[in-house]
C-alpha atoms as a PDB file:
ATOM      1  CA  MET A   1       0.081   0.270   0.058  1.00  0.00           C
ATOM      2  CA  VAL A   2       0.957   3.538  -0.863  1.00  0.00           C
ATOM      3  CA  ASP A   3      -0.033   6.323   1.486  1.00  0.00           C
ATOM      4  CA  ILE A   4       0.719   9.653   0.352  1.00  0.00           C
ATOM      5  CA  CYS A   5      -0.289  12.606   2.692  1.00  0.00           C
ATOM      6  CA  LEU A   6      -0.945  16.730   1.351  1.00  0.00           C
ATOM      7  CA  LEU A   7       0.218  18.608   3.436  1.00  0.00           C
ATOM      8  CA  GLY A   8       0.152  21.899   2.079  1.00  0.00           C
ATOM      9  CA  CYS A   9      -2.358  22.552  -0.836  1.00  0.00           C
ATOM     10  CA  GLY A  10      -1.554  26.600  -1.173  1.00  0.00           C
ATOM     11  CA  GLY A  11       0.247  28.445  -3.897  1.00  0.00           C
ATOM     12  CA  GLY A  12       1.544  31.735  -3.964  1.00  0.00           C
ATOM     13  CA  MET A  13       2.119  32.668  -0.036  1.00  0.00           C
ATOM     14  CA  PRO A  14       0.953  30.941   3.228  1.00  0.00           C
ATOM     15  CA  MET A  15      -2.582  31.449   4.578  1.00  0.00           C
ATOM     16  CA  HIS A  16      -3.268  30.689   8.041  1.00  0.00           C
ATOM     17  CA  PHE A  17      -5.490  28.055   7.222  1.00  0.00           C
ATOM     18  CA  ARG A  18      -3.739  26.805   4.035  1.00  0.00           C
ATOM     19  CA  SER A  19      -0.036  25.432   3.957  1.00  0.00           C
ATOM     20  CA  LEU A  20       2.420  25.960   0.780  1.00  0.00           C
ATOM     21  CA  SER A  21       2.927  23.269  -1.616  1.00  0.00           C
ATOM     22  CA  ALA A  22       3.979  19.862  -0.147  1.00  0.00           C
ATOM     23  CA  SER A  23       3.061  16.287  -0.721  1.00  0.00           C
ATOM     24  CA  LEU A  24       4.664  13.616   1.474  1.00  0.00           C
ATOM     25  CA  ILE A  25       4.869   9.756   0.201  1.00  0.00           C
ATOM     26  CA  ASN A  26       4.975   6.761   2.312  1.00  0.00           C
ATOM     27  CA  TYR A  27       5.895   3.802   1.198  1.00  0.00           C
ATOM     28  CA  LYS A  28       7.594   0.308   3.517  1.00  0.00           C
ATOM     29  CA  GLY A  29       7.895   3.148   6.100  1.00  0.00           C
ATOM     30  CA  ARG A  30      10.019   4.955   3.645  1.00  0.00           C
ATOM     31  CA  LYS A  31       9.737   8.886   2.819  1.00  0.00           C
ATOM     32  CA  ILE A  32       9.496  10.931  -0.858  1.00  0.00           C
ATOM     33  CA  LEU A  33       8.996  14.462  -0.565  1.00  0.00           C
ATOM     34  CA  VAL A  34       7.267  16.480  -3.208  1.00  0.00           C
ATOM     35  CA  ASP A  35       8.422  20.309  -3.010  1.00  0.00           C
ATOM     36  CA  CYS A  36       8.639  22.213  -0.067  1.00  0.00           C
ATOM     37  CA  GLY A  37       6.989  25.121   0.851  1.00  0.00           C
ATOM     38  CA  GLU A  38       7.085  27.515   3.468  1.00  0.00           C
ATOM     39  CA  GLY A  39       5.950  25.762   6.824  1.00  0.00           C
ATOM     40  CA  THR A  40       6.539  22.219   5.555  1.00  0.00           C
ATOM     41  CA  GLN A  41       7.654  21.382   8.814  1.00  0.00           C
ATOM     42  CA  VAL A  42       4.546  22.611  10.421  1.00  0.00           C
ATOM     43  CA  SER A  43       2.519  20.232   8.776  1.00  0.00           C
ATOM     44  CA  MET A  44       5.022  17.143   8.250  1.00  0.00           C
ATOM     45  CA  ARG A  45       5.201  17.563  12.435  1.00  0.00           C
ATOM     46  CA  MET A  46       0.976  17.711  12.777  1.00  0.00           C
ATOM     47  CA  VAL A  47       0.485  14.526  10.679  1.00  0.00           C
ATOM     48  CA  GLY A  48       3.394  12.488  12.540  1.00  0.00           C
ATOM     49  CA  TRP A  49       5.170  10.928   9.759  1.00  0.00           C
ATOM     50  CA  GLY A  50       8.604  11.646  11.365  1.00  0.00           C
ATOM     51  CA  PHE A  51      11.317  13.391   9.441  1.00  0.00           C
ATOM     52  CA  LYS A  52      14.454  11.100   9.337  1.00  0.00           C
ATOM     53  CA  THR A  53      13.162   8.360   6.873  1.00  0.00           C
ATOM     54  CA  ILE A  54      12.621  11.243   4.162  1.00  0.00           C
ATOM     55  CA  ASP A  55      15.144   9.544   1.473  1.00  0.00           C
ATOM     56  CA  VAL A  56      14.207  11.882  -1.432  1.00  0.00           C
ATOM     57  CA  ILE A  57      13.203  15.499  -1.813  1.00  0.00           C
ATOM     58  CA  CYS A  58      11.959  15.823  -5.561  1.00  0.00           C
ATOM     59  CA  ILE A  59      11.378  19.344  -6.418  1.00  0.00           C
ATOM     60  CA  THR A  60       8.786  21.072  -8.953  1.00  0.00           C
ATOM     61  CA  HIS A  61      10.769  24.137  -9.676  1.00  0.00           C
ATOM     62  CA  SER A  62      12.426  26.859  -7.928  1.00  0.00           C
ATOM     63  CA  HIS A  63       9.727  29.332  -7.147  1.00  0.00           C
ATOM     64  CA  GLY A  64       9.876  30.273  -3.194  1.00  0.00           C
ATOM     65  CA  ASP A  65       6.348  28.839  -2.516  1.00  0.00           C
ATOM     66  CA  HIS A  66       7.499  25.540  -3.625  1.00  0.00           C
ATOM     67  CA  THR A  67      11.562  25.308  -2.199  1.00  0.00           C
ATOM     68  CA  VAL A  68      11.504  27.878   0.762  1.00  0.00           C
ATOM     69  CA  GLY A  69      11.056  25.131   3.091  1.00  0.00           C
ATOM     70  CA  LEU A  70      14.183  23.587   2.268  1.00  0.00           C
ATOM     71  CA  PRO A  71      16.677  24.615   4.783  1.00  0.00           C
ATOM     72  CA  GLY A  72      14.560  24.418   7.811  1.00  0.00           C
ATOM     73  CA  LEU A  73      13.561  20.849   6.332  1.00  0.00           C
ATOM     74  CA  LEU A  74      17.442  19.884   6.314  1.00  0.00           C
ATOM     75  CA  ALA A  75      18.247  20.538   9.613  1.00  0.00           C
ATOM     76  CA  THR A  76      15.383  18.865  11.356  1.00  0.00           C
ATOM     77  CA  ILE A  77      16.447  15.688   9.408  1.00  0.00           C
ATOM     78  CA  GLY A  78      19.678  16.253  10.473  1.00  0.00           C
ATOM     79  CA  ASN A  79      18.186  17.013  14.369  1.00  0.00           C
ATOM     80  CA  SER A  80      16.130  13.511  14.216  1.00  0.00           C
ATOM     81  CA  GLY A  81      19.071  11.349  13.606  1.00  0.00           C
ATOM     82  CA  ARG A  82      19.261  10.588  10.155  1.00  0.00           C
ATOM     83  CA  THR A  83      23.323   9.979   8.494  1.00  0.00           C
ATOM     84  CA  GLU A  84      22.309   8.222   5.557  1.00  0.00           C
ATOM     85  CA  PRO A  85      22.792  10.035   2.553  1.00  0.00           C
ATOM     86  CA  LEU A  86      19.814  11.937   1.177  1.00  0.00           C
ATOM     87  CA  THR A  87      18.948  12.566  -2.312  1.00  0.00           C
ATOM     88  CA  ILE A  88      17.190  15.755  -4.181  1.00  0.00           C
ATOM     89  CA  ILE A  89      15.930  15.805  -7.186  1.00  0.00           C
ATOM     90  CA  GLY A  90      14.709  18.851  -9.709  1.00  0.00           C
ATOM     91  CA  PRO A  91      14.691  20.352 -12.654  1.00  0.00           C
ATOM     92  CA  LYS A  92      17.624  22.354 -14.450  1.00  0.00           C
ATOM     93  CA  GLY A  93      19.772  24.767 -12.439  1.00  0.00           C
ATOM     94  CA  ILE A  94      17.978  22.976  -8.759  1.00  0.00           C
ATOM     95  CA  LYS A  95      21.463  22.252  -7.540  1.00  0.00           C
ATOM     96  CA  ARG A  96      22.373  26.430  -8.141  1.00  0.00           C
ATOM     97  CA  VAL A  97      18.860  26.922  -6.100  1.00  0.00           C
ATOM     98  CA  VAL A  98      19.851  24.485  -3.294  1.00  0.00           C
ATOM     99  CA  ASP A  99      23.350  25.599  -2.671  1.00  0.00           C
ATOM    100  CA  GLY A 100      21.919  29.262  -2.232  1.00  0.00           C
ATOM    101  CA  LEU A 101      19.544  27.605   0.177  1.00  0.00           C
ATOM    102  CA  ARG A 102      21.963  25.771   2.396  1.00  0.00           C
ATOM    103  CA  VAL A 103      23.643  28.963   3.171  1.00  0.00           C
ATOM    104  CA  ILE A 104      21.844  28.637   6.281  1.00  0.00           C
ATOM    105  CA  ALA A 105      21.559  25.234   6.206  1.00  0.00           C
ATOM    106  CA  GLU A 106      25.047  23.890   5.478  1.00  0.00           C
ATOM    107  CA  TYR A 107      26.508  21.913   8.104  1.00  0.00           C
ATOM    108  CA  LEU A 108      24.732  19.028   8.230  1.00  0.00           C
ATOM    109  CA  PRO A 109      25.256  14.997   9.347  1.00  0.00           C
ATOM    110  CA  TYR A 110      24.353  13.523   6.820  1.00  0.00           C
ATOM    111  CA  GLU A 111      25.086  14.034   2.453  1.00  0.00           C
ATOM    112  CA  VAL A 112      23.031  15.540   0.146  1.00  0.00           C
ATOM    113  CA  ASN A 113      23.275  14.528  -3.766  1.00  0.00           C
ATOM    114  CA  VAL A 114      21.383  16.628  -5.813  1.00  0.00           C
ATOM    115  CA  ILE A 115      20.306  14.849  -9.483  1.00  0.00           C
ATOM    116  CA  GLU A 116      18.780  17.432 -12.274  1.00  0.00           C
ATOM    117  CA  ASN A 117      16.572  17.110 -14.184  1.00  0.00           C
ATOM    118  CA  PRO A 118      16.751  13.043 -15.191  1.00  0.00           C
ATOM    119  CA  LYS A 119      13.757  11.660 -16.994  1.00  0.00           C
ATOM    120  CA  ASN A 120      13.769   7.886 -15.382  1.00  0.00           C
ATOM    121  CA  LEU A 121      15.305   6.955 -11.944  1.00  0.00           C
ATOM    122  CA  PHE A 122      14.092   3.164 -10.141  1.00  0.00           C
ATOM    123  CA  LEU A 123      14.746   3.496  -6.502  1.00  0.00           C
ATOM    124  CA  ASN A 124      14.864   0.450  -4.163  1.00  0.00           C
ATOM    125  CA  ILE A 125      14.496  -0.083  -0.616  1.00  0.00           C
ATOM    126  CA  ASP A 126      17.401  -1.448   0.703  1.00  0.00           C
ATOM    127  CA  LYS A 127      18.585  -2.562   4.248  1.00  0.00           C
ATOM    128  CA  GLU A 128      15.863  -0.018   5.192  1.00  0.00           C
ATOM    129  CA  THR A 129      16.844   3.199   3.267  1.00  0.00           C
ATOM    130  CA  LEU A 130      15.417   4.385  -0.400  1.00  0.00           C
ATOM    131  CA  GLU A 131      18.245   3.941  -2.686  1.00  0.00           C
ATOM    132  CA  ILE A 132      18.697   4.943  -6.476  1.00  0.00           C
ATOM    133  CA  LYS A 133      19.215   1.989  -9.140  1.00  0.00           C
ATOM    134  CA  GLU A 134      21.007   2.007 -12.554  1.00  0.00           C
ATOM    135  CA  ASN A 135      18.613  -0.145 -14.411  1.00  0.00           C
ATOM    136  CA  LYS A 136      15.436  -1.374 -12.206  1.00  0.00           C
ATOM    137  CA  GLY A 137      13.677  -0.789  -8.632  1.00  0.00           C
ATOM    138  CA  GLU A 138      10.397  -1.054  -6.815  1.00  0.00           C
ATOM    139  CA  ILE A 139       9.417   2.523  -7.766  1.00  0.00           C
ATOM    140  CA  ASN A 140      10.260   3.797 -11.034  1.00  0.00           C
ATOM    141  CA  LEU A 141      10.069   7.893 -11.137  1.00  0.00           C
ATOM    142  CA  SER A 142       9.968   9.611 -14.379  1.00  0.00           C
ATOM    143  CA  THR A 143       9.226  13.389 -14.962  1.00  0.00           C
ATOM    144  CA  LEU A 144       8.708  15.300 -17.601  1.00  0.00           C
ATOM    145  CA  GLU A 145       9.162  18.691 -18.574  1.00  0.00           C
ATOM    146  CA  VAL A 146       5.955  21.097 -18.011  1.00  0.00           C
ATOM    147  CA  ASP A 147       5.356  24.474 -19.646  1.00  0.00           C
ATOM    148  CA  HIS A 148       5.840  27.441 -16.494  1.00  0.00           C
ATOM    149  CA  SER A 149       7.195  30.302 -16.065  1.00  0.00           C
ATOM    150  CA  SER A 150      10.815  28.948 -14.477  1.00  0.00           C
ATOM    151  CA  PRO A 151      11.794  25.417 -15.883  1.00  0.00           C
ATOM    152  CA  CYS A 152       9.587  22.782 -13.980  1.00  0.00           C
ATOM    153  CA  ILE A 153       9.017  18.731 -14.561  1.00  0.00           C
ATOM    154  CA  GLY A 154       6.334  17.469 -13.236  1.00  0.00           C
ATOM    155  CA  TYR A 155       6.759  13.122 -11.519  1.00  0.00           C
ATOM    156  CA  SER A 156       5.362  10.382 -12.124  1.00  0.00           C
ATOM    157  CA  PHE A 157       5.905   7.333  -9.176  1.00  0.00           C
ATOM    158  CA  TYR A 158       5.515   3.283 -10.478  1.00  0.00           C
ATOM    159  CA  PHE A 159       5.143   0.880  -7.562  1.00  0.00           C
ATOM    160  CA  ASN A 160       5.809  -2.521  -8.790  1.00  0.00           C
ATOM    161  CA  ARG A 161       3.914  -5.317  -7.266  1.00  0.00           C
ATOM    162  CA  GLU A 162       5.962  -7.851  -6.792  1.00  0.00           C
ATOM    163  CA  ARG A 163       4.723 -11.452  -9.017  1.00  0.00           C
ATOM    164  CA  LYS A 164       3.368 -14.284  -7.410  1.00  0.00           C
ATOM    165  CA  PHE A 165       5.306 -17.172  -5.476  1.00  0.00           C
ATOM    166  CA  ASP A 166       4.264 -20.440  -8.241  1.00  0.00           C
ATOM    167  CA  VAL A 167       5.169 -23.259  -5.557  1.00  0.00           C
ATOM    168  CA  ASP A 168       3.503 -25.614  -8.645  1.00  0.00           C
ATOM    169  CA  LYS A 169       5.836 -23.631 -11.009  1.00  0.00           C
ATOM    170  CA  ALA A 170       8.725 -24.573  -8.801  1.00  0.00           C
ATOM    171  CA  ILE A 171       8.232 -27.633  -7.725  1.00  0.00           C
ATOM    172  CA  ALA A 172       7.835 -28.188 -11.328  1.00  0.00           C
ATOM    173  CA  ASN A 173      11.303 -26.625 -12.441  1.00  0.00           C
ATOM    174  CA  SER A 174      12.788 -28.845  -9.905  1.00  0.00           C
ATOM    175  CA  VAL A 175      14.187 -25.608  -7.961  1.00  0.00           C
ATOM    176  CA  PRO A 176      15.568 -26.462  -4.117  1.00  0.00           C
ATOM    177  CA  LYS A 177      13.546 -25.000  -1.815  1.00  0.00           C
ATOM    178  CA  LYS A 178      16.609 -23.041  -0.206  1.00  0.00           C
ATOM    179  CA  ILE A 179      16.730 -20.855  -2.587  1.00  0.00           C
ATOM    180  CA  TRP A 180      13.117 -19.941  -3.234  1.00  0.00           C
ATOM    181  CA  ARG A 181      13.411 -17.142  -1.041  1.00  0.00           C
ATOM    182  CA  TYR A 182      16.121 -15.338  -3.020  1.00  0.00           C
ATOM    183  CA  LEU A 183      13.876 -16.030  -6.179  1.00  0.00           C
ATOM    184  CA  GLN A 184      11.167 -14.743  -5.053  1.00  0.00           C
ATOM    185  CA  LYS A 185      12.668 -11.330  -4.651  1.00  0.00           C
ATOM    186  CA  GLY A 186      13.484 -11.260  -8.582  1.00  0.00           C
ATOM    187  CA  GLU A 187      16.958 -12.237  -8.149  1.00  0.00           C
ATOM    188  CA  ASP A 188      18.567 -15.236 -10.053  1.00  0.00           C
ATOM    189  CA  VAL A 189      20.445 -17.469  -8.200  1.00  0.00           C
ATOM    190  CA  GLU A 190      23.858 -20.553  -8.975  1.00  0.00           C
ATOM    191  CA  PHE A 191      23.212 -23.152  -6.288  1.00  0.00           C
ATOM    192  CA  GLU A 192      25.600 -25.870  -6.522  1.00  0.00           C
ATOM    193  CA  GLY A 193      27.053 -25.483  -9.993  1.00  0.00           C
ATOM    194  CA  THR A 194      23.270 -24.838 -11.466  1.00  0.00           C
ATOM    195  CA  LYS A 195      22.178 -21.328 -12.407  1.00  0.00           C
ATOM    196  CA  TYR A 196      18.158 -21.089 -11.291  1.00  0.00           C
ATOM    197  CA  PHE A 197      15.848 -17.894 -12.614  1.00  0.00           C
ATOM    198  CA  CYS A 198      13.372 -15.693 -11.461  1.00  0.00           C
ATOM    199  CA  ASP A 199      11.221 -16.476 -13.785  1.00  0.00           C
ATOM    200  CA  MET A 200      11.192 -20.840 -12.717  1.00  0.00           C
ATOM    201  CA  VAL A 201       9.391 -19.841  -9.589  1.00  0.00           C
ATOM    202  CA  LEU A 202       7.156 -16.590 -10.522  1.00  0.00           C
ATOM    203  CA  GLY A 203       3.824 -16.171 -11.749  1.00  0.00           C
ATOM    204  CA  GLU A 204       2.746 -13.570 -14.500  1.00  0.00           C
ATOM    205  CA  SER A 205       3.735 -10.106 -13.708  1.00  0.00           C
ATOM    206  CA  ARG A 206       0.573  -7.798 -11.332  1.00  0.00           C
ATOM    207  CA  ARG A 207      -0.562  -4.537 -12.159  1.00  0.00           C
ATOM    208  CA  GLY A 208       1.349  -1.510  -9.698  1.00  0.00           C
ATOM    209  CA  ILE A 209      -0.175   1.353  -8.419  1.00  0.00           C
ATOM    210  CA  LYS A 210       0.645   4.577  -9.966  1.00  0.00           C
ATOM    211  CA  LEU A 211       1.110   7.922  -8.593  1.00  0.00           C
ATOM    212  CA  SER A 212       1.041  11.137 -10.792  1.00  0.00           C
ATOM    213  CA  LEU A 213       1.314  14.646  -9.986  1.00  0.00           C
ATOM    214  CA  ILE A 214       1.971  18.015 -12.248  1.00  0.00           C
ATOM    215  CA  THR A 215       2.341  21.530 -10.411  1.00  0.00           C
ATOM    216  CA  ASP A 216       2.632  24.494 -11.665  1.00  0.00           C
ATOM    217  CA  SER A 217       1.441  24.323 -15.245  1.00  0.00           C
ATOM    218  CA  ARG A 218      -0.982  24.981 -17.866  1.00  0.00           C
ATOM    219  CA  PRO A 219      -1.995  21.324 -19.743  1.00  0.00           C
ATOM    220  CA  THR A 220      -0.105  20.158 -22.448  1.00  0.00           C
ATOM    221  CA  GLU A 221      -0.322  17.322 -24.872  1.00  0.00           C
ATOM    222  CA  GLU A 222       2.653  15.622 -23.029  1.00  0.00           C
ATOM    223  CA  SER A 223       1.162  15.536 -19.847  1.00  0.00           C
ATOM    224  CA  VAL A 224      -1.683  13.176 -21.178  1.00  0.00           C
ATOM    225  CA  ASN A 225       0.084  10.380 -21.814  1.00  0.00           C
ATOM    226  CA  PHE A 226       2.838  11.346 -18.947  1.00  0.00           C
ATOM    227  CA  ILE A 227      -0.216  10.795 -16.572  1.00  0.00           C
ATOM    228  CA  LYS A 228      -1.848   7.688 -18.332  1.00  0.00           C
ATOM    229  CA  ASP A 229      -3.948   5.567 -16.150  1.00  0.00           C
ATOM    230  CA  SER A 230      -2.805   6.566 -12.692  1.00  0.00           C
ATOM    231  CA  ASP A 231      -4.741   5.724 -10.091  1.00  0.00           C
ATOM    232  CA  LEU A 232      -4.092   9.319  -8.338  1.00  0.00           C
ATOM    233  CA  PHE A 233      -3.428  12.253 -10.274  1.00  0.00           C
ATOM    234  CA  ILE A 234      -2.544  15.593  -8.300  1.00  0.00           C
ATOM    235  CA  CYS A 235      -2.394  19.085 -10.143  1.00  0.00           C
ATOM    236  CA  GLU A 236      -2.831  22.467 -10.014  1.00  0.00           C
ATOM    237  CA  GLY A 237      -5.686  24.244  -9.901  1.00  0.00           C
ATOM    238  CA  THR A 238      -4.718  27.761  -9.050  1.00  0.00           C
ATOM    239  CA  TYR A 239      -7.761  29.018 -10.106  1.00  0.00           C
ATOM    240  CA  GLY A 240     -11.205  27.347  -9.943  1.00  0.00           C
ATOM    241  CA  ASP A 241     -13.604  30.086 -11.824  1.00  0.00           C
ATOM    242  CA  ASP A 242     -13.949  29.443 -15.715  1.00  0.00           C
ATOM    243  CA  LEU A 243     -13.296  33.471 -16.107  1.00  0.00           C
ATOM    244  CA  ASP A 244     -10.032  33.560 -14.946  1.00  0.00           C
ATOM    245  CA  ILE A 245      -8.586  31.540 -17.967  1.00  0.00           C
ATOM    246  CA  GLU A 246      -7.108  34.502 -18.952  1.00  0.00           C
ATOM    247  CA  LYS A 247      -5.184  34.535 -15.686  1.00  0.00           C
ATOM    248  CA  ALA A 248      -3.969  31.276 -15.581  1.00  0.00           C
ATOM    249  CA  ILE A 249      -2.816  31.383 -19.306  1.00  0.00           C
ATOM    250  CA  LYS A 250      -0.621  35.002 -18.556  1.00  0.00           C
ATOM    251  CA  ASN A 251       0.693  33.270 -15.418  1.00  0.00           C
ATOM    252  CA  LYS A 252       1.517  30.036 -17.192  1.00  0.00           C
ATOM    253  CA  HIS A 253      -1.187  27.497 -14.495  1.00  0.00           C
ATOM    254  CA  MET A 254      -5.053  25.624 -14.983  1.00  0.00           C
ATOM    255  CA  THR A 255      -8.236  26.604 -14.474  1.00  0.00           C
ATOM    256  CA  PHE A 256     -10.407  23.808 -12.259  1.00  0.00           C
ATOM    257  CA  ARG A 257     -11.725  22.400 -16.089  1.00  0.00           C
ATOM    258  CA  GLU A 258      -8.392  22.367 -17.309  1.00  0.00           C
ATOM    259  CA  ALA A 259      -7.187  20.063 -14.881  1.00  0.00           C
ATOM    260  CA  ALA A 260      -9.971  17.984 -15.303  1.00  0.00           C
ATOM    261  CA  THR A 261      -9.614  18.091 -18.665  1.00  0.00           C
ATOM    262  CA  LEU A 262      -6.342  16.594 -18.314  1.00  0.00           C
ATOM    263  CA  ALA A 263      -7.303  13.761 -16.382  1.00  0.00           C
ATOM    264  CA  LYS A 264     -10.058  12.719 -18.681  1.00  0.00           C
ATOM    265  CA  LYS A 265      -8.172  12.867 -21.725  1.00  0.00           C
ATOM    266  CA  GLY A 266      -5.607  10.860 -19.274  1.00  0.00           C
ATOM    267  CA  GLU A 267      -8.115   7.477 -18.260  1.00  0.00           C
ATOM    268  CA  VAL A 268      -6.930   8.611 -14.221  1.00  0.00           C
ATOM    269  CA  LYS A 269      -8.958   6.784 -11.672  1.00  0.00           C
ATOM    270  CA  LYS A 270      -9.016  10.280  -9.882  1.00  0.00           C
ATOM    271  CA  LEU A 271      -8.305  13.427  -9.647  1.00  0.00           C
ATOM    272  CA  LEU A 272      -7.219  15.976  -6.757  1.00  0.00           C
ATOM    273  CA  LEU A 273      -6.951  19.334  -6.658  1.00  0.00           C
ATOM    274  CA  THR A 274      -4.795  21.981  -5.008  1.00  0.00           C
ATOM    275  CA  HIS A 275      -2.213  24.662  -5.528  1.00  0.00           C
ATOM    276  CA  PHE A 276      -5.190  27.233  -4.856  1.00  0.00           C
ATOM    277  CA  SER A 277      -4.819  30.788  -5.265  1.00  0.00           C
ATOM    278  CA  PRO A 278      -4.655  32.519  -1.981  1.00  0.00           C
ATOM    279  CA  ALA A 279      -7.117  34.615  -3.880  1.00  0.00           C
ATOM    280  CA  MET A 280      -9.581  31.771  -3.988  1.00  0.00           C
ATOM    281  CA  ILE A 281     -10.549  31.333  -0.423  1.00  0.00           C
ATOM    282  CA  GLU A 282     -13.643  29.281  -0.763  1.00  0.00           C
ATOM    283  CA  PRO A 283     -12.446  26.169  -3.928  1.00  0.00           C
ATOM    284  CA  ASN A 284     -15.706  24.465  -3.324  1.00  0.00           C
ATOM    285  CA  GLU A 285     -17.199  27.036  -4.673  1.00  0.00           C
ATOM    286  CA  TYR A 286     -16.082  26.196  -7.944  1.00  0.00           C
ATOM    287  CA  ILE A 287     -15.592  22.417  -7.784  1.00  0.00           C
ATOM    288  CA  ASP A 288     -18.741  21.911  -9.561  1.00  0.00           C
ATOM    289  CA  ASN A 289     -16.266  23.024 -13.113  1.00  0.00           C
ATOM    290  CA  ALA A 290     -14.161  20.116 -12.905  1.00  0.00           C
ATOM    291  CA  LYS A 291     -16.844  17.469 -11.988  1.00  0.00           C
ATOM    292  CA  SER A 292     -18.899  18.439 -14.747  1.00  0.00           C
ATOM    293  CA  VAL A 293     -15.949  17.254 -16.624  1.00  0.00           C
ATOM    294  CA  PHE A 294     -14.797  14.190 -14.916  1.00  0.00           C
ATOM    295  CA  GLU A 295     -16.688  13.069 -12.110  1.00  0.00           C
ATOM    296  CA  GLN A 296     -13.896  11.728 -10.693  1.00  0.00           C
ATOM    297  CA  SER A 297     -12.616  15.073  -9.223  1.00  0.00           C
ATOM    298  CA  PHE A 298     -11.864  16.415  -5.803  1.00  0.00           C
ATOM    299  CA  LEU A 299     -10.569  19.258  -3.706  1.00  0.00           C
ATOM    300  CA  GLY A 300      -7.135  18.616  -1.370  1.00  0.00           C
ATOM    301  CA  GLU A 301      -6.939  19.737   1.577  1.00  0.00           C
ATOM    302  CA  ASP A 302      -4.053  20.094   4.087  1.00  0.00           C
ATOM    303  CA  ARG A 303      -2.637  17.172   5.613  1.00  0.00           C
ATOM    304  CA  LEU A 304      -6.046  15.353   3.228  1.00  0.00           C
ATOM    305  CA  ILE A 305      -4.256  11.180   3.394  1.00  0.00           C
ATOM    306  CA  GLU A 306      -4.854   8.925   0.328  1.00  0.00           C
ATOM    307  CA  ASN A 307      -3.891   4.936   0.564  1.00  0.00           C
ATOM    308  CA  LEU A 308      -3.490   3.385  -2.810  1.00  0.00           C
ATOM    309  CA  LYS A 309      -4.086  -0.454  -2.353  1.00  0.00           C
ATOM    310  CA  PHE A 310      -2.742  -2.677  -5.085  1.00  0.00           C
ATOM    311  CA  ILE A 311      -5.523  -4.034  -6.453  1.00  0.00           C
END
């Protein structure tokens, strides 16, 4: 199961009733944070998922409402006792931004690695740490360059589901029981001079869980394929009112209706709207603009938790 918490659903500036952009993914006890707006730590403390197990921080772009919370968070993670390396991922130029923000978080008890504008990465939980692998992993992380006023990327996470162990198949292939557990993990094993392959004991592939996030951006055709068949699509809805379309175009954001249209074209299962303009006090007044296009459209709210289960 994959849990995701919308730590903050605001854009532009923090409000006393709405925190800035941040989403926290919890998988097998390890954490991936997407964006880190001002005050992210406050929501994290309220949720109670902990700081030490954040292994990867994904930044969509360099604007302050998505990054200003980083220095304090990095310091808090250090104070939590973390010593393992932490990875920050972002668009082109993110290393310069991180280095600048770290002027006030220079001394940390762990290494910070920065990866700029990757297309595909593979994450694997190894020895209670989420590590980046070269060719395969439990989580496939993909990015897409989107249309915003600064270099910006969307993120898609595919959580692979383990293939079911087939006892009958293992017996039919004369696989020794002593190595079943290694083959079940997808590893090929040489035992007593004979090579055994994981396909000798595993059943058919099973569908995993796909989670996609796009903020901030105008809708693009490339985004449709990127979010295709997502179990959950978290998308910016800076403007709820259809009459704000000119503002959306000018500022490189989306209206509720545009986000819902994107979700419909991408055939996602559920849309969560987020990144609300400070001028939009009551987003619920405009939710019908999204639902009239895509029924499974819902408003995000600070500290809302979604549980995604393997089917």
